[in-house]
Protein backbone atom coordinates (compact mmCIF):
# COMPACT_ATOMS: atom_id res chain seq x y z
CA MET A 1 0.00 0.00 0.00
CA SER A 2 1.36 3.40 -0.94
CA LEU A 3 -0.74 6.56 -0.57
CA THR A 4 0.31 10.13 -1.22
CA ALA A 5 -1.18 13.15 0.49
CA ARG A 6 -2.67 15.82 -1.77
CA SER A 7 -3.95 18.09 1.01
CA THR A 8 -1.70 20.83 2.34
CA ALA A 9 -3.81 21.75 5.39
CA PRO A 10 -2.66 19.78 8.47
CA LEU A 11 -5.12 17.66 10.38
CA PRO A 12 -5.96 19.19 13.77
CA ASP A 13 -4.81 17.36 16.94
CA CYS A 14 -2.69 15.03 14.85
CA PRO A 15 0.72 13.74 16.04
CA PRO A 16 3.32 15.42 13.78
CA GLN A 17 5.06 12.12 13.00
CA GLU A 18 1.78 10.71 11.68
CA ALA A 19 0.56 13.80 9.85
CA THR A 20 1.64 12.77 6.35
CA ALA A 21 0.22 9.25 6.55
CA LEU A 22 -3.07 10.46 8.02
CA SER A 23 -3.45 13.26 5.46
CA ALA A 24 -2.88 10.73 2.67
CA ALA A 25 -5.39 8.38 4.26
CA PHE A 26 -8.10 11.06 4.46
CA ASP A 27 -7.41 12.04 0.83
CA HIS A 28 -7.84 8.38 -0.13
CA VAL A 29 -11.15 8.19 1.73
CA ASP A 30 -12.38 11.47 0.21
CA THR A 31 -11.80 9.89 -3.22
CA LEU A 32 -13.64 6.72 -2.20
CA ARG A 33 -16.58 8.78 -0.99
CA ARG A 34 -16.81 10.61 -4.31
CA ASP A 35 -16.90 7.19 -6.01
CA GLY A 36 -19.72 5.89 -3.80
CA PHE A 37 -17.68 4.43 -0.93
CA GLY A 38 -18.22 0.83 -2.00
CA GLY A 39 -21.97 1.03 -1.54
CA ILE A 40 -21.66 1.37 2.23
CA LEU A 41 -24.88 2.75 3.67
CA ARG A 42 -25.07 6.39 4.63
CA ALA A 43 -26.73 5.43 7.89
CA PRO A 44 -29.60 7.69 8.96
CA MET A 45 -29.20 10.09 11.85
CA VAL A 46 -32.42 10.49 13.78
CA ALA A 47 -33.67 12.51 16.71
CA SER A 48 -35.21 10.92 19.78
CA PRO A 49 -37.60 13.29 21.56
CA VAL A 50 -38.30 10.78 24.34
CA LEU A 51 -34.64 10.08 25.11
CA SER A 52 -33.86 13.79 24.75
CA ALA A 53 -36.43 14.59 27.41
CA SER A 54 -34.96 11.94 29.72
CA ALA A 55 -31.40 13.16 29.19
CA GLY A 56 -32.10 16.89 29.30
CA CYS A 57 -30.39 17.55 25.96
CA ASP A 58 -31.12 17.34 22.23
CA LEU A 59 -30.08 13.80 21.28
CA TRP A 60 -29.38 12.67 17.72
CA VAL A 61 -28.40 9.08 17.01
CA LYS A 62 -26.39 7.77 14.05
CA LEU A 63 -27.78 4.28 13.32
CA GLU A 64 -24.70 2.34 12.25
CA ASN A 65 -26.44 -0.88 13.31
CA LEU A 66 -28.27 -0.65 9.95
CA GLN A 67 -25.11 -1.37 7.95
CA VAL A 68 -25.07 -4.66 6.03
CA THR A 69 -22.64 -6.09 8.60
CA GLY A 70 -24.50 -4.45 11.49
CA SER A 71 -21.67 -2.09 12.44
CA PHE A 72 -19.65 0.99 11.43
CA LYS A 73 -16.55 -1.24 11.19
CA GLU A 74 -17.06 -2.01 7.53
CA ARG A 75 -16.21 1.62 6.74
CA GLY A 76 -12.61 1.33 7.91
CA ALA A 77 -12.22 -2.21 6.61
CA PHE A 78 -13.37 -1.20 3.13
CA ALA A 79 -11.09 1.85 3.05
CA ARG A 80 -8.06 -0.25 4.03
CA MET A 81 -8.83 -3.08 1.64
CA ALA A 82 -9.39 -0.64 -1.21
CA ALA A 83 -5.82 0.61 -0.68
CA LEU A 84 -4.23 -2.84 -1.14
CA SER A 85 -1.90 -3.29 -4.09
CA ALA A 86 -2.47 -6.08 -6.62
CA ASP A 87 0.31 -8.12 -5.01
CA GLU A 88 -1.17 -7.65 -1.54
CA ARG A 89 -4.57 -8.78 -2.77
CA ARG A 90 -3.05 -11.98 -4.15
CA ARG A 91 -1.41 -12.72 -0.77
CA GLY A 92 -4.70 -12.43 1.09
CA VAL A 93 -5.52 -10.79 4.40
CA VAL A 94 -5.62 -11.75 8.08
CA ALA A 95 -7.51 -9.92 10.82
CA ALA A 96 -8.39 -10.20 14.50
CA SER A 97 -11.73 -9.11 15.84
CA ALA A 98 -14.39 -9.64 18.49
CA GLY A 99 -16.85 -9.69 15.61
CA ASN A 100 -17.65 -6.44 13.85
CA HIS A 101 -14.28 -5.74 12.19
CA ALA A 102 -14.29 -9.41 11.18
CA GLN A 103 -17.51 -8.98 9.22
CA GLY A 104 -16.27 -5.76 7.64
CA VAL A 105 -13.08 -7.42 6.42
CA ALA A 106 -14.96 -10.51 5.28
CA ARG A 107 -17.48 -8.50 3.28
CA SER A 108 -14.88 -6.38 1.50
CA ALA A 109 -12.65 -9.42 0.90
CA GLY A 110 -15.55 -11.27 -0.69
CA ALA A 111 -16.44 -8.32 -2.91
CA MET A 112 -12.80 -7.90 -4.00
CA GLY A 113 -12.02 -11.60 -4.44
CA ILE A 114 -9.45 -11.67 -1.63
CA ALA A 115 -8.87 -14.65 0.67
CA ALA A 116 -9.48 -13.72 4.33
CA ARG A 117 -8.73 -15.50 7.60
CA ILE A 118 -10.17 -14.01 10.79
CA TYR A 119 -9.07 -14.80 14.35
CA MET A 120 -11.89 -14.30 16.85
CA PRO A 121 -11.67 -14.76 20.64
CA VAL A 122 -13.24 -17.84 22.19
CA GLY A 123 -16.61 -16.72 23.52
CA THR A 124 -17.37 -14.28 20.68
CA PRO A 125 -21.18 -14.14 20.27
CA THR A 126 -22.34 -16.87 17.90
CA VAL A 127 -24.25 -14.36 15.77
CA LYS A 128 -20.97 -12.61 14.90
CA VAL A 129 -19.06 -15.83 14.21
CA ASN A 130 -21.77 -17.22 11.93
CA ALA A 131 -22.17 -13.92 10.09
CA THR A 132 -18.42 -13.74 9.41
CA ARG A 133 -18.35 -17.27 8.04
CA ALA A 134 -21.43 -16.57 5.92
CA LEU A 135 -19.53 -13.72 4.24
CA GLY A 136 -16.91 -16.22 3.04
CA ALA A 137 -14.06 -15.73 5.51
CA GLU A 138 -12.19 -18.56 7.24
CA VAL A 139 -12.71 -18.17 11.00
CA GLU A 140 -10.34 -19.35 13.73
CA LEU A 141 -11.74 -19.23 17.27
CA ALA A 142 -8.65 -18.77 19.44
CA GLY A 143 -7.48 -16.71 22.39
CA ASP A 144 -9.29 -15.69 25.55
CA ASP A 145 -9.76 -12.08 24.45
CA PHE A 146 -9.11 -9.69 21.58
CA ASP A 147 -5.47 -9.12 22.45
CA ALA A 148 -4.74 -12.85 22.46
CA ALA A 149 -6.55 -13.32 19.14
CA LYS A 150 -4.64 -10.39 17.67
CA ALA A 151 -1.28 -11.88 18.64
CA LEU A 152 -2.21 -15.10 16.85
CA ALA A 153 -3.40 -13.19 13.77
CA VAL A 154 -0.18 -11.16 13.55
CA ALA A 155 1.89 -14.34 13.83
CA ALA A 156 -0.19 -16.00 11.09
CA ALA A 157 0.30 -13.00 8.79
CA GLU A 158 4.05 -13.07 9.31
CA THR A 159 4.19 -16.79 8.57
CA SER A 160 1.94 -16.79 5.51
CA GLY A 161 2.83 -13.42 3.98
CA ALA A 162 -0.79 -12.25 4.16
CA VAL A 163 -1.55 -8.62 5.01
CA PHE A 164 -2.71 -7.97 8.55
CA ILE A 165 -5.72 -5.62 8.56
CA HIS A 166 -5.63 -3.89 11.93
CA PRO A 167 -9.05 -3.10 13.41
CA PHE A 168 -8.07 0.36 14.64
CA ASP A 169 -4.35 1.24 14.72
CA ASP A 170 -3.98 2.08 11.03
CA PRO A 171 -4.24 5.53 9.35
CA VAL A 172 -6.48 4.32 6.53
CA VAL A 173 -8.80 2.42 8.86
CA LEU A 174 -9.09 5.57 11.00
CA ALA A 175 -9.92 7.71 7.99
CA GLY A 176 -12.55 5.20 6.92
CA GLN A 177 -14.19 5.37 10.34
CA GLY A 178 -13.99 9.15 10.05
CA THR A 179 -16.78 9.06 7.47
CA VAL A 180 -19.21 8.54 10.38
CA ALA A 181 -18.52 12.04 11.70
CA MET A 182 -18.40 13.55 8.20
CA GLU A 183 -21.96 12.37 7.60
CA MET A 184 -23.14 13.40 11.06
CA LEU A 185 -21.96 16.98 10.59
CA GLU A 186 -23.24 17.14 7.03
CA ASP A 187 -26.68 16.13 8.33
CA GLN A 188 -26.61 18.21 11.55
CA PRO A 189 -23.97 20.97 11.28
CA ASP A 190 -24.96 22.59 14.59
CA LEU A 191 -24.06 19.64 16.83
CA ASP A 192 -22.28 20.76 20.00
CA VAL A 193 -20.89 17.41 21.12
CA LEU A 194 -20.05 14.05 19.59
CA VAL A 195 -19.92 11.01 21.89
CA PHE A 196 -18.03 7.89 20.80
CA PRO A 197 -17.47 4.45 22.31
CA VAL A 198 -13.75 3.77 22.83
CA GLY A 199 -12.15 0.35 22.71
CA GLY A 200 -9.06 0.33 20.55
CA GLY A 201 -9.89 3.92 19.66
CA GLY A 202 -10.35 3.69 15.90
CA LEU A 203 -13.82 5.23 15.72
CA ALA A 204 -13.11 8.00 18.23
CA ALA A 205 -9.75 8.90 16.63
CA GLY A 206 -10.89 8.74 13.01
CA ALA A 207 -14.28 10.37 13.52
CA GLY A 208 -12.78 12.89 15.95
CA LEU A 209 -10.15 14.00 13.45
CA ALA A 210 -12.77 14.21 10.70
CA ALA A 211 -15.08 16.26 12.94
CA ARG A 212 -12.36 18.74 13.89
CA ARG A 213 -11.47 19.18 10.20
CA ILE A 214 -15.06 20.31 9.65
CA LYS A 215 -15.89 22.03 12.96
CA PRO A 216 -12.78 22.87 15.01
CA ASP A 217 -14.68 23.86 18.16
CA ILE A 218 -16.87 20.75 18.46
CA GLU A 219 -16.62 18.91 21.78
CA LEU A 220 -15.51 15.27 21.61
CA VAL A 221 -16.22 12.78 24.41
CA GLY A 222 -15.13 9.15 24.62
CA VAL A 223 -16.88 6.43 26.64
CA GLN A 224 -15.57 3.14 28.00
CA SER A 225 -16.92 0.27 30.05
CA ASP A 226 -15.63 0.61 33.61
CA LEU A 227 -14.42 -3.00 33.34
CA PHE A 228 -12.16 -2.09 30.42
CA PRO A 229 -10.93 1.46 31.16
CA ALA A 230 -7.60 1.03 29.35
CA PHE A 231 -7.66 4.36 27.53
CA ALA A 232 -9.41 6.17 30.39
CA ASN A 233 -6.45 5.17 32.55
CA LEU A 234 -4.08 6.84 30.07
CA PHE A 235 -6.26 9.91 29.67
CA HIS A 236 -6.89 10.48 33.38
CA ASP A 237 -3.53 9.15 34.61
CA ALA A 238 -5.36 6.46 36.59
CA ASP A 239 -4.70 2.82 37.38
CA ARG A 240 -8.08 1.12 37.38
CA PRO A 241 -8.03 -2.67 36.82
CA VAL A 242 -8.79 -3.86 33.30
CA GLY A 243 -10.73 -7.06 32.61
CA GLY A 244 -13.97 -8.89 33.28
CA PHE A 245 -17.18 -9.89 31.56
CA THR A 246 -18.93 -6.94 29.95
CA LEU A 247 -21.98 -6.47 27.75
CA ALA A 248 -19.82 -4.16 25.66
CA GLU A 249 -17.50 -6.87 24.35
CA GLY A 250 -16.96 -4.84 21.17
CA ILE A 251 -14.87 -2.33 23.16
CA ALA A 252 -13.38 -4.82 25.64
CA VAL A 253 -9.79 -4.01 24.70
CA ARG A 254 -6.98 -4.28 27.23
CA GLN A 255 -4.54 -2.14 25.27
CA PRO A 256 -5.60 0.70 22.94
CA GLY A 257 -3.53 1.31 19.83
CA ASP A 258 -0.33 3.34 19.86
CA LEU A 259 -1.54 5.59 17.05
CA THR A 260 -5.05 5.99 18.41
CA SER A 261 -3.76 6.73 21.91
CA ALA A 262 -1.40 9.41 20.64
CA ILE A 263 -4.28 11.06 18.78
CA LEU A 264 -6.95 10.74 21.45
CA LYS A 265 -4.88 12.04 24.36
CA THR A 266 -4.99 15.51 22.79
CA LEU A 267 -8.12 15.15 20.64
CA LEU A 268 -10.73 14.19 23.23
CA ASP A 269 -12.15 16.66 25.73
CA ASP A 270 -13.13 13.95 28.19
CA VAL A 271 -13.41 10.19 28.70
CA LEU A 272 -16.32 8.85 30.76
CA LEU A 273 -16.88 5.41 32.27
CA VAL A 274 -20.18 3.52 32.54
CA ASP A 275 -20.96 0.38 34.50
CA GLU A 276 -22.80 -2.76 33.40
CA ARG A 277 -26.12 -1.70 34.91
CA GLN A 278 -25.98 1.62 33.03
CA ILE A 279 -25.10 -0.11 29.75
CA GLU A 280 -27.94 -2.59 30.17
CA HIS A 281 -30.41 0.21 30.94
CA ALA A 282 -29.33 2.21 27.87
CA LEU A 283 -29.62 -0.87 25.66
CA ASN A 284 -33.17 -1.46 26.84
CA LEU A 285 -34.06 2.21 26.32
CA PHE A 286 -32.90 2.06 22.70
CA ILE A 287 -35.15 -0.94 22.14
CA ALA A 288 -38.16 0.39 24.03
CA GLN A 289 -38.06 4.06 23.02
CA MET A 290 -36.45 4.09 19.55
CA ARG A 291 -37.31 0.57 18.39
CA VAL A 292 -33.69 -0.01 17.36
CA LEU A 293 -31.41 -2.88 18.33
CA PRO A 294 -27.98 -2.01 19.76
CA GLU A 295 -25.22 -4.26 21.00
CA GLY A 296 -23.62 -3.38 24.33
CA ALA A 297 -20.83 -1.25 22.85
CA GLY A 298 -23.40 0.64 20.79
CA ALA A 299 -25.29 1.65 23.94
CA VAL A 300 -22.42 3.11 25.99
CA GLY A 301 -22.82 6.61 24.53
CA LEU A 302 -26.43 6.86 25.67
CA ALA A 303 -25.45 5.32 29.01
CA ALA A 304 -22.86 8.06 29.52
CA VAL A 305 -25.23 10.89 28.61
CA LEU A 306 -27.85 9.58 31.03
CA ALA A 307 -25.27 9.06 33.79
CA HIS A 308 -23.79 12.56 33.35
CA LYS A 309 -26.86 14.66 32.57
CA GLN A 310 -25.45 17.90 33.92
CA ARG A 311 -22.42 17.66 31.63
CA PHE A 312 -24.60 17.52 28.50
CA ALA A 313 -27.55 19.63 29.68
CA GLY A 314 -29.01 21.86 26.97
CA LYS A 315 -26.53 20.76 24.29
CA LYS A 316 -27.16 19.20 20.91
CA VAL A 317 -25.48 15.82 21.23
CA GLY A 318 -24.59 13.33 18.50
CA LEU A 319 -24.38 9.65 19.52
CA VAL A 320 -23.15 6.74 17.44
CA LEU A 321 -25.14 3.55 17.84
CA SER A 322 -22.04 1.78 16.60
CA GLY A 323 -23.40 -1.73 16.09
CA GLY A 324 -26.32 -4.07 16.55
CA ASN A 325 -24.80 -7.54 16.49
CA VAL A 326 -26.19 -8.84 19.77
CA ASP A 327 -26.68 -12.52 20.56
CA THR A 328 -30.42 -13.27 20.55
CA ARG A 329 -30.19 -15.39 23.72
CA LEU A 330 -28.55 -12.52 25.55
CA LEU A 331 -31.12 -10.12 24.16
CA SER A 332 -33.95 -12.27 25.48
CA SER A 333 -32.37 -12.31 28.93
CA LEU A 334 -31.85 -8.55 28.93
CA LEU A 335 -35.45 -7.83 27.98
CA LEU A 336 -36.82 -10.11 30.70
CA ARG A 337 -34.47 -8.60 33.29
CA ASP A 338 -35.71 -5.14 32.34
CA LEU A 339 -39.31 -6.24 32.78
CA ALA A 340 -38.45 -7.65 36.20
CA ARG A 341 -36.65 -4.49 37.31
CA SER A 342 -39.60 -2.35 36.27
CA ARG A 343 -41.86 -4.84 38.13
CA ARG A 344 -43.92 -5.55 35.05
CA LEU A 345 -42.80 -9.15 35.55
CA ALA A 346 -42.52 -10.79 38.97
CA ARG A 347 -42.51 -14.15 40.69
CA PHE A 348 -44.62 -14.64 43.83
CA ARG A 349 -44.10 -17.46 46.32
CA ILE A 350 -47.52 -18.31 47.76
CA GLU A 351 -48.14 -20.67 50.68
CA LEU A 352 -51.16 -22.97 50.19
CA VAL A 353 -53.06 -25.53 52.21
CA ASP A 354 -52.80 -28.80 50.28
CA ILE A 355 -56.49 -29.17 49.42
CA PRO A 356 -58.29 -29.07 46.06
CA GLY A 357 -59.20 -25.65 44.66
CA GLN A 358 -56.37 -23.59 46.16
CA LEU A 359 -54.51 -23.04 42.88
CA SER A 360 -57.82 -22.24 41.15
CA SER A 361 -58.56 -19.59 43.78
CA VAL A 362 -55.14 -17.98 43.32
CA SER A 363 -55.57 -17.91 39.54
CA GLU A 364 -59.03 -16.36 39.84
CA ILE A 365 -57.77 -13.56 42.11
CA ILE A 366 -54.90 -12.74 39.76
CA SER A 367 -57.23 -12.75 36.77
CA GLU A 368 -59.77 -10.47 38.45
CA ALA A 369 -56.93 -8.07 39.35
CA GLY A 370 -55.87 -7.89 35.70
CA GLY A 371 -52.66 -9.92 35.98
CA ASN A 372 -51.44 -12.54 33.51
CA VAL A 373 -49.86 -15.79 34.74
CA THR A 374 -46.86 -16.92 32.66
CA ASP A 375 -45.45 -19.79 34.70
CA VAL A 376 -46.36 -21.96 37.71
CA ALA A 377 -44.08 -24.25 39.75
CA TYR A 378 -45.63 -26.47 42.45
CA HIS A 379 -43.45 -27.50 45.40
CA LYS A 380 -44.52 -30.22 47.82
CA THR A 381 -41.91 -32.96 48.15
CA PHE A 382 -38.83 -30.76 48.51
CA SER A 383 -40.13 -28.48 51.23
CA ASP A 384 -39.64 -27.98 54.96
CA LEU A 385 -43.29 -26.91 55.37
CA PRO A 386 -45.76 -29.08 57.30
CA ALA A 387 -47.12 -32.04 55.34
CA LYS A 388 -50.53 -30.40 54.86
CA VAL A 389 -48.99 -27.20 53.55
CA THR A 390 -47.21 -26.51 50.29
CA TYR A 391 -46.28 -23.51 48.20
CA ILE A 392 -46.23 -22.47 44.58
CA ASP A 393 -43.94 -20.12 42.67
CA ILE A 394 -46.07 -18.23 40.18
CA SER A 395 -44.69 -15.82 37.56
CA LEU A 396 -46.99 -13.11 36.28
CA GLU A 397 -47.12 -9.96 34.21
CA ALA A 398 -48.60 -6.61 35.24
CA GLN A 399 -48.90 -3.18 33.70
CA ASP A 400 -46.37 -1.60 36.09
CA GLY A 401 -45.08 -1.78 39.65
CA ALA A 402 -48.20 -0.23 41.16
CA HIS A 403 -50.39 -2.78 39.37
CA MET A 404 -48.18 -5.59 40.69
CA ASP A 405 -48.64 -4.24 44.21
CA ARG A 406 -52.43 -4.32 43.78
CA ILE A 407 -52.31 -7.96 42.68
CA GLN A 408 -50.19 -8.90 45.69
CA ALA A 409 -52.55 -6.99 48.02
CA ALA A 410 -55.57 -8.81 46.55
CA LEU A 411 -53.97 -12.19 47.23
CA GLN A 412 -53.11 -11.20 50.78
CA ALA A 413 -56.59 -9.85 51.38
CA ALA A 414 -57.92 -13.31 50.44
CA GLY A 415 -55.79 -14.83 53.19
CA PHE A 416 -52.82 -16.08 51.22
CA ARG A 417 -49.27 -15.63 52.48
CA VAL A 418 -47.38 -14.03 49.58
CA GLU A 419 -43.76 -12.98 49.23
CA LEU A 420 -41.70 -11.85 46.28
CA ALA A 421 -39.35 -14.59 45.13
CA GLY A 422 -36.11 -12.78 44.40
CA TYR A 423 -33.92 -15.62 43.14
């Protein structure tokens, strides 16, 4: 790959030693955009009045989950693959990814007739693994996390002569991701703040540089999971532990890139952390209020805005819903947990005398109170209650917490001992 810069204006907040390569990369991407950018979707950017009211600011969301591969990552992957020489294309490519970069590389490789091998960490959501294979790439599940998979991918590239396509620490990949911010500011030029998820830093660095080229005074904020605060540690000179099981596996990176770190340390105005409960809440809000499906990493921006309302109060804020490749089993669990936390779904443990008609009486009371029974478990043998007494665990739906309280009160008024089963 050999790119030459045509632009003379320096990129703002760019490390001097990387200025030439980054300028050439952005020129390359500008050319690709004029030629249609490989058919990559110009994802819509939509307002959310309900979420704006909750957050106390004017929220606009870039829906990158609508890309063919379900993520913004195909932007950078396409830009990098389009810069390969004929010889590099013949040698094939290797990549490492927790899922979204993998699909981006696989899609571009398939379109360009290039052989691709992707190393993905053990435990990567099945939906991402299957989607990558469906796009024609060879997938190797290896390594406990992204960094381990990356080490294996780099070694494989060195052995085979294939080109390693880095998911974030590459000037052309950064410039490709920068198209997200270009489109956001073309659609909404008066945005005050852009909020980006930060893992390896490719989106935040590329889109941040692109945004400052267009609007030098725009505020740029990065967000990380508090379980993987690798870049936040660098930015805030902190020493928080890194590692764990997070919903935001797409940004679960132990070590951000050298290039992206050098850029982001001066480019970003702030880096915020969000915990798992906040990420889960934001994910459910996207589904319930906007009818869009985010993955965990795609929800951290909203989580940060809701957790730091005063910081964003009154501003026009641009969020990137960066991807929507969430495992359906996990999604089901998250939705049910949200119903339980809002007390629209609950499980009562009810003590009964072991005589005919007791269960029928309970069901009738719940029905008359407007509840809906979803599951019943009867316990008699494995119980320390007296032989003539038993209990049932009964799951039911209600309109809200107050309605659930009325159902419980009706059961108690009929003489039943009722407690909330919290296990």
